[in-house]
Protein backbone atom coordinates (compact mmCIF):
# COMPACT_ATOMS: atom_id res chain seq x y z
CA MET A 1 -15.25 -29.90 -3.79
CA ALA A 2 -13.53 -26.80 -2.84
CA GLN A 3 -13.40 -23.90 -5.36
CA LYS A 4 -9.87 -24.04 -6.80
CA ILE A 5 -8.40 -20.67 -7.09
CA ILE A 6 -4.82 -19.54 -8.38
CA ILE A 7 -3.66 -16.02 -7.17
CA VAL A 8 -0.70 -14.50 -8.99
CA GLY A 9 1.19 -12.41 -6.95
CA ALA A 10 2.04 -12.81 -3.12
CA GLY A 11 2.31 -9.06 -2.25
CA ILE A 12 0.02 -7.47 0.30
CA ILE A 13 -2.86 -7.50 -1.77
CA GLY A 14 -2.32 -11.31 -3.16
CA ALA A 15 -1.57 -12.27 0.59
CA SER A 16 -4.82 -10.83 2.10
CA ALA A 17 -6.98 -12.11 -0.75
CA ALA A 18 -5.50 -15.72 -0.08
CA TRP A 19 -6.11 -15.40 3.66
CA HIS A 20 -9.63 -14.16 3.19
CA LEU A 21 -10.50 -16.93 0.29
CA ALA A 22 -9.14 -19.69 2.42
CA ARG A 23 -11.03 -18.76 5.33
CA ALA A 24 -14.13 -19.12 3.09
CA GLY A 25 -13.20 -22.53 2.21
CA ALA A 26 -11.40 -22.07 -0.99
CA ASP A 27 -8.56 -24.21 -2.36
CA VAL A 28 -5.77 -21.63 -2.72
CA THR A 29 -2.42 -21.63 -4.86
CA VAL A 30 -0.56 -18.37 -4.91
CA ILE A 31 2.11 -18.35 -7.64
CA ASP A 32 4.67 -15.25 -7.19
CA ALA A 33 7.78 -14.45 -9.39
CA GLY A 34 9.67 -12.82 -6.40
CA ALA A 35 10.80 -9.71 -7.78
CA ASP A 36 9.28 -5.81 -8.13
CA ARG A 37 7.14 -6.34 -5.13
CA ALA A 38 6.21 -2.96 -3.90
CA THR A 39 5.12 -4.43 -0.79
CA ASP A 40 8.75 -5.27 0.25
CA ALA A 41 9.77 -1.43 0.30
CA SER A 42 6.49 -0.05 1.55
CA PHE A 43 6.56 2.55 4.09
CA GLY A 44 3.69 0.80 5.67
CA TRP A 45 1.32 4.05 6.25
CA VAL A 46 -2.39 3.33 6.46
CA ASN A 47 -4.34 6.19 6.52
CA ALA A 48 -7.04 8.18 4.89
CA SER A 49 -6.25 11.73 5.28
CA TYR A 50 -4.96 11.44 1.42
CA PHE A 51 -7.47 10.67 -0.86
CA ALA A 52 -8.63 11.55 -4.48
CA ASN A 53 -12.17 11.88 -3.91
CA ALA A 54 -15.54 11.38 -1.38
CA ASP A 55 -15.97 7.42 -2.60
CA HIS A 56 -11.96 7.00 -2.07
CA PHE A 57 -12.07 8.43 1.17
CA ARG A 58 -14.79 6.14 2.59
CA LEU A 59 -13.09 3.08 0.82
CA ARG A 60 -9.75 4.13 2.48
CA ALA A 61 -11.57 4.93 5.93
CA ALA A 62 -13.15 1.61 5.71
CA GLY A 63 -9.57 0.01 4.99
CA MET A 64 -8.49 1.37 8.05
CA GLN A 65 -10.90 -0.31 10.05
CA ALA A 66 -10.32 -3.72 8.60
CA TRP A 67 -6.94 -3.68 9.26
CA GLN A 68 -7.89 -3.36 12.93
CA THR A 69 -9.59 -6.80 12.75
CA LEU A 70 -7.05 -8.16 10.36
CA LEU A 71 -4.20 -7.41 13.08
CA ALA A 72 -5.83 -8.71 15.58
CA ALA A 73 -6.50 -11.79 14.00
CA LEU A 74 -2.87 -12.21 13.11
CA GLY A 75 -1.66 -11.53 16.47
CA VAL A 76 0.27 -8.13 15.05
CA GLN A 77 0.44 -5.00 16.53
CA PRO A 78 1.18 -1.82 14.52
CA LEU A 79 4.98 -0.58 14.35
CA ALA A 80 3.34 3.13 14.91
CA GLN A 81 0.28 4.86 16.14
CA GLY A 82 -0.63 8.36 14.91
CA SER A 83 0.69 10.70 12.36
CA LEU A 84 1.59 14.35 12.36
CA ALA A 85 1.45 16.71 8.84
CA TRP A 86 2.76 19.91 8.21
CA ASP A 87 3.51 19.10 4.57
CA GLN A 88 2.03 22.41 3.06
CA PRO A 89 1.21 25.65 3.86
CA GLU A 90 -0.86 26.82 6.87
CA ASP A 91 -3.68 27.77 4.67
CA GLY A 92 -3.63 24.26 3.12
CA LEU A 93 -3.55 22.68 6.41
CA HIS A 94 -6.55 24.67 7.16
CA ARG A 95 -8.74 23.56 4.52
CA GLN A 96 -7.58 19.65 5.01
CA TYR A 97 -8.54 20.25 8.57
CA ALA A 98 -11.99 21.64 7.56
CA THR A 99 -12.55 19.14 5.07
CA LEU A 100 -11.55 15.97 7.39
CA LYS A 101 -13.78 17.36 10.15
CA ASP A 102 -16.50 17.59 7.74
CA LEU A 103 -16.17 13.73 7.08
CA ASP A 104 -15.97 13.07 10.90
CA TYR A 105 -12.32 11.81 10.38
CA PRO A 106 -10.27 11.93 13.50
CA VAL A 107 -8.13 15.37 13.12
CA GLU A 108 -6.73 17.75 15.82
CA TRP A 109 -5.06 20.97 14.98
CA ILE A 110 -1.80 21.32 17.13
CA SER A 111 0.22 24.19 17.92
CA LYS A 112 4.00 24.51 18.24
CA ASP A 113 4.21 23.50 21.89
CA GLN A 114 1.72 20.72 21.63
CA PHE A 115 3.86 19.48 18.65
CA SER A 116 6.99 19.72 20.68
CA LYS A 117 5.38 17.76 23.27
CA LEU A 118 4.57 14.91 20.81
CA GLU A 119 7.77 14.85 18.95
CA PRO A 120 10.49 16.84 20.79
CA GLY A 121 13.15 15.58 18.78
CA VAL A 122 12.36 17.29 15.54
CA ALA A 123 14.36 20.63 15.18
CA ARG A 124 12.22 23.76 14.30
CA PRO A 125 8.87 22.54 15.04
CA PRO A 126 6.15 24.23 12.83
CA ASP A 127 3.69 26.66 13.96
CA ALA A 128 1.05 24.35 13.52
CA ALA A 129 0.49 20.85 12.16
CA LEU A 130 -2.63 18.42 11.94
CA PHE A 131 -2.33 15.43 14.31
CA PHE A 132 -3.91 12.13 13.05
CA PRO A 133 -4.32 9.65 16.26
CA SER A 134 -5.91 6.64 14.24
CA GLU A 135 -3.53 6.36 11.52
CA GLN A 136 -0.99 3.61 11.77
CA VAL A 137 2.25 1.85 10.38
CA ILE A 138 2.29 -1.57 9.71
CA ASP A 139 5.16 -3.99 8.46
CA ALA A 140 3.68 -4.73 5.07
CA ALA A 141 6.06 -7.61 4.35
CA ASP A 142 5.66 -9.07 7.48
CA CYS A 143 1.97 -8.90 7.44
CA ALA A 144 1.71 -10.39 3.80
CA THR A 145 4.19 -13.45 5.26
CA ARG A 146 2.07 -13.82 8.13
CA MET A 147 -1.41 -13.95 6.32
CA LEU A 148 0.21 -16.57 3.54
CA ALA A 149 1.50 -18.76 6.30
CA GLN A 150 -1.66 -18.55 8.29
CA SER A 151 -3.95 -19.11 5.30
CA GLY A 152 -2.75 -22.82 4.55
CA ALA A 153 -2.50 -21.49 0.70
CA SER A 154 0.11 -23.82 -1.26
CA VAL A 155 2.92 -20.83 -2.20
CA VAL A 156 4.99 -21.30 -4.99
CA ARG A 157 7.66 -18.78 -5.39
CA GLY A 158 10.26 -17.76 -8.00
CA VAL A 159 8.21 -18.59 -10.74
CA ARG A 160 7.30 -16.33 -13.44
CA VAL A 161 3.58 -16.56 -15.13
CA ASP A 162 4.01 -16.13 -18.54
CA ALA A 163 0.38 -15.60 -19.84
CA LEU A 164 -3.34 -16.31 -18.49
CA SER A 165 -6.29 -17.75 -20.45
CA PRO A 166 -9.70 -18.27 -18.76
CA GLY A 167 -9.05 -21.01 -16.26
CA LYS A 168 -5.21 -21.64 -16.93
CA VAL A 169 -2.06 -19.99 -15.79
CA HIS A 170 0.73 -20.50 -18.01
CA THR A 171 4.49 -20.99 -16.96
CA ALA A 172 7.72 -22.25 -18.05
CA PHE A 173 7.22 -25.41 -16.06
CA GLY A 174 3.73 -26.12 -17.29
CA THR A 175 0.06 -24.87 -17.01
CA LEU A 176 -2.11 -24.87 -14.07
CA CYS A 177 -5.65 -25.11 -14.21
CA ALA A 178 -8.29 -23.28 -11.75
CA ASP A 179 -11.85 -22.46 -11.21
CA ASP A 180 -10.89 -18.87 -10.92
CA ILE A 181 -7.52 -16.77 -11.16
CA VAL A 182 -7.01 -13.57 -9.03
CA VAL A 183 -4.21 -11.20 -10.71
CA ALA A 184 -2.56 -9.37 -8.18
CA ALA A 185 0.63 -9.08 -9.52
CA GLY A 186 1.52 -4.96 -9.10
CA THR A 187 3.56 -3.76 -11.81
CA GLN A 188 3.22 -6.88 -13.95
CA THR A 189 -0.67 -7.21 -13.94
CA GLN A 190 -1.06 -4.90 -17.17
CA ARG A 191 1.45 -7.43 -18.90
CA LEU A 192 -0.90 -10.42 -17.87
CA ILE A 193 -4.37 -8.88 -18.53
CA ALA A 194 -3.27 -7.53 -21.93
CA GLY A 195 -3.09 -11.02 -23.36
CA LEU A 196 -7.05 -11.14 -22.31
CA GLY A 197 -7.96 -8.24 -24.52
CA ALA A 198 -8.03 -5.83 -21.67
CA ASP A 199 -6.10 -2.64 -21.07
CA LEU A 200 -6.09 -1.46 -17.15
CA CYS A 201 -4.17 1.62 -17.85
CA LEU A 202 -1.44 1.33 -15.59
CA ARG A 203 1.78 3.35 -15.58
CA PRO A 204 5.54 2.94 -13.76
CA SER A 205 5.60 4.93 -10.60
CA PRO A 206 8.90 4.08 -9.04
CA THR A 207 9.97 5.66 -5.65
CA PHE A 208 13.22 5.01 -3.57
CA VAL A 209 13.23 4.33 -0.08
CA LEU A 210 15.96 5.41 2.17
CA HIS A 211 16.84 3.65 5.31
CA THR A 212 19.24 4.86 7.84
CA GLN A 213 21.84 3.19 10.28
CA PRO A 214 20.11 2.96 13.63
CA ALA A 215 20.11 5.97 15.55
CA ARG A 216 18.89 7.29 19.04
CA ARG A 217 15.06 6.67 19.07
CA VAL A 218 13.63 10.33 19.09
CA SER A 219 10.47 9.73 17.16
CA ARG A 220 7.28 7.70 17.42
CA HIS A 221 4.74 9.05 14.56
CA VAL A 222 4.66 9.17 10.87
CA LEU A 223 5.86 12.52 9.77
CA ALA A 224 4.28 14.15 6.83
CA THR A 225 6.94 17.24 6.53
CA PRO A 226 7.62 19.72 4.07
CA VAL A 227 10.86 17.49 3.38
CA GLY A 228 9.33 14.14 2.79
CA ASP A 229 7.46 11.48 4.97
CA ILE A 230 9.40 9.98 7.46
CA ARG A 231 9.25 7.49 10.49
CA GLN A 232 11.72 6.04 12.67
CA ARG A 233 11.39 2.23 13.36
CA SER A 234 11.63 0.77 16.90
CA ASP A 235 15.27 -0.44 16.30
CA GLY A 236 16.12 3.63 15.69
CA VAL A 237 16.43 3.30 11.69
CA PHE A 238 14.60 6.25 9.99
CA VAL A 239 12.61 5.06 6.86
CA MET A 240 11.94 7.85 4.11
CA PRO A 241 10.69 7.80 0.92
CA THR A 242 12.90 9.83 -1.47
CA ASP A 243 9.65 11.76 -3.17
CA VAL A 244 9.03 14.51 -1.22
CA ASN A 245 5.29 13.79 -1.42
CA HIS A 246 5.16 9.83 -1.92
CA GLN A 247 1.30 9.68 -1.53
CA SER A 248 0.90 11.14 -4.53
CA ASP A 249 0.65 9.30 -7.60
CA HIS A 250 3.44 11.29 -9.44
CA GLY A 251 6.72 9.13 -8.35
CA ASP A 252 9.10 8.78 -10.98
CA ALA A 253 12.82 7.45 -10.33
CA ALA A 254 13.76 7.03 -14.03
CA GLY A 255 17.14 8.33 -14.89
CA THR A 256 18.26 9.44 -11.16
CA ARG A 257 21.43 8.99 -10.14
CA LEU A 258 21.79 7.15 -7.02
CA ASP A 259 24.78 9.08 -5.29
CA THR A 260 22.86 12.57 -5.56
CA LEU A 261 19.39 11.24 -4.65
CA GLN A 262 20.85 9.52 -1.63
CA ALA A 263 22.90 12.78 -0.69
CA ASP A 264 19.64 14.78 -1.47
CA ALA A 265 17.37 12.68 0.98
CA MET A 266 20.01 12.30 3.65
CA GLY A 267 20.20 16.41 3.54
CA ARG A 268 16.80 16.84 3.87
CA LEU A 269 15.92 14.30 6.77
CA THR A 270 19.19 15.44 8.53
CA SER A 271 17.86 19.07 8.62
CA LEU A 272 15.22 17.72 10.82
CA PHE A 273 17.13 15.47 13.23
CA PRO A 274 20.80 17.63 12.85
CA ASP A 275 22.00 16.13 16.37
CA LEU A 276 21.67 12.40 15.61
CA GLY A 277 24.69 11.96 13.22
CA LEU A 278 22.62 10.10 10.77
CA THR A 279 23.98 8.25 8.11
CA SER A 280 22.46 6.19 5.34
CA ALA A 281 22.26 2.65 5.32
CA GLY A 282 21.17 2.58 1.54
CA LEU A 283 18.15 2.68 -0.74
CA THR A 284 15.56 0.11 -1.97
CA LEU A 285 13.59 0.55 -5.11
CA ALA A 286 9.85 0.42 -4.64
CA HIS A 287 8.17 -0.46 -7.77
CA ARG A 288 4.67 1.04 -7.35
CA PRO A 289 1.74 0.00 -9.61
CA MET A 290 -0.22 2.80 -10.37
CA PRO A 291 -3.57 3.11 -11.81
CA CYS A 292 -3.76 5.80 -14.33
CA ASP A 293 -6.64 7.84 -12.75
CA GLY A 294 -5.00 7.06 -9.26
CA VAL A 295 -7.65 5.00 -7.67
CA PRO A 296 -7.96 1.01 -7.15
CA ILE A 297 -8.77 -1.31 -10.36
CA VAL A 298 -10.70 -4.45 -9.09
CA GLY A 299 -12.93 -6.77 -10.65
CA ALA A 300 -13.26 -9.34 -13.65
CA VAL A 301 -11.46 -8.84 -16.68
CA CYS A 302 -13.15 -11.95 -18.26
CA THR A 303 -14.81 -14.91 -17.13
CA GLY A 304 -12.79 -16.56 -14.49
CA VAL A 305 -9.96 -13.86 -14.19
CA TYR A 306 -10.11 -11.13 -11.74
CA ALA A 307 -7.86 -8.24 -11.42
CA ALA A 308 -6.84 -6.33 -8.35
CA VAL A 309 -4.17 -3.41 -8.42
CA MET A 310 -4.02 -0.28 -6.39
CA HIS A 311 -2.41 2.57 -4.64
CA SER A 312 -2.14 2.71 -1.71
CA GLY A 313 -2.22 -1.12 -1.72
CA VAL A 314 -1.26 -0.94 2.16
CA THR A 315 -3.95 0.93 3.31
CA LEU A 316 -6.83 -0.87 1.42
CA ALA A 317 -5.44 -4.51 1.55
CA ALA A 318 -7.19 -5.84 4.56
CA LEU A 319 -10.57 -4.54 3.10
CA MET A 320 -9.97 -5.54 -0.54
CA GLY A 321 -8.67 -9.23 0.36
CA ASP A 322 -12.11 -9.58 2.19
CA LEU A 323 -14.22 -8.05 -0.94
CA ILE A 324 -12.02 -9.82 -3.11
CA SER A 325 -13.06 -13.20 -1.54
CA GLN A 326 -16.79 -12.36 -1.74
CA GLU A 327 -16.94 -11.70 -5.14
CA VAL A 328 -14.74 -14.67 -6.58
CA MET A 329 -16.50 -17.11 -4.12
CA ARG A 330 -20.17 -15.58 -4.66
CA GLY A 331 -20.10 -13.15 -7.28
CA ALA A 332 -21.24 -9.53 -6.55
CA THR A 333 -23.24 -8.71 -3.59
CA ASN A 334 -24.63 -5.85 -2.51
CA GLN A 335 -21.89 -4.91 -0.12
CA THR A 336 -18.96 -5.54 -2.93
CA ILE A 337 -21.17 -3.34 -5.39
CA ASP A 338 -21.10 -0.34 -2.94
CA TRP A 339 -17.63 -0.28 -2.07
CA LEU A 340 -16.50 -1.27 -5.66
CA ALA A 341 -18.49 0.29 -8.34
CA PRO A 342 -16.13 3.25 -9.08
CA TYR A 343 -13.18 1.07 -9.52
CA ARG A 344 -14.46 -1.43 -11.88
CA PRO A 345 -11.95 -2.41 -14.89
CA ASP A 346 -14.34 -1.49 -17.56
CA ARG A 347 -13.79 1.79 -17.09
CA PHE A 348 -10.78 1.74 -19.17
CA ALA A 349 -10.99 0.84 -22.90
CA VAL A 350 -10.85 -2.74 -23.90
CA THR A 351 -8.33 -3.41 -26.50
């Protein structure tokens, strides 16, 4: 009989795990409460130009490669190709450039004239910027939907998981049994794992994402700017996390006034594109799960229960789905140990 696996969470990580597990021959059921999913509000930037340490860079770079294979299998094209960064003083850009060149990461130092050829719509182009030609943008919510549909997994939506025990998922509508459980529930992961006597050390890192009304299409790259990370969709809508440096792990929307936040973000965005007459279409709150040390948490928390929670889930999802599938189906392999050794749950205290 096929190995029966329940995945808690239908965001980008849970969907990728379902896709890979089903292709490996598992009988997969996905249960999703339908709320607080960071995937639904994701900026969608797949990159390795921002990283915590050498191991984390290697993981993110492999995640980018894994997306090439997965996008082809899903029949999906990226929404944008390449990113431009001038989000720090020029000496900081020089350090980042040198570090990434030493790591053999595709990066180019470009002048103001070169920048203007790539992004002619940006007012006051920077004197210098870094260009990352291999970075992409994906529609995380669409990719998650496609992975679940193509996996053939049974998907139960709108049902909150109340508790877990080895081999059992407890809900208000009864208890489901499985050979293995994968917890990819984002910000709800800690609540579920705590009942098993584990502490994954997650903290809230909510951030709002601004969307504008459609405007004339002038930008075709991700822009990491001093006023925030920005991209323009093919329909003309600008997307911008309101945190100036949303790649960091310090987002906090608590206590924020929505009117002030929206006006401030629109002011920063308009400063780069003053001639487009941009107007806001609204804000979406992204409930980002954030490990306390900023790097992924992936692995078994007890017999039969496996957890996966991370930032950035979008960059890492394609690779993580494959590694999770290998470990749940066959146990740790040389490949999974190589990739995941720094990210095991047992680096945090067990309660």
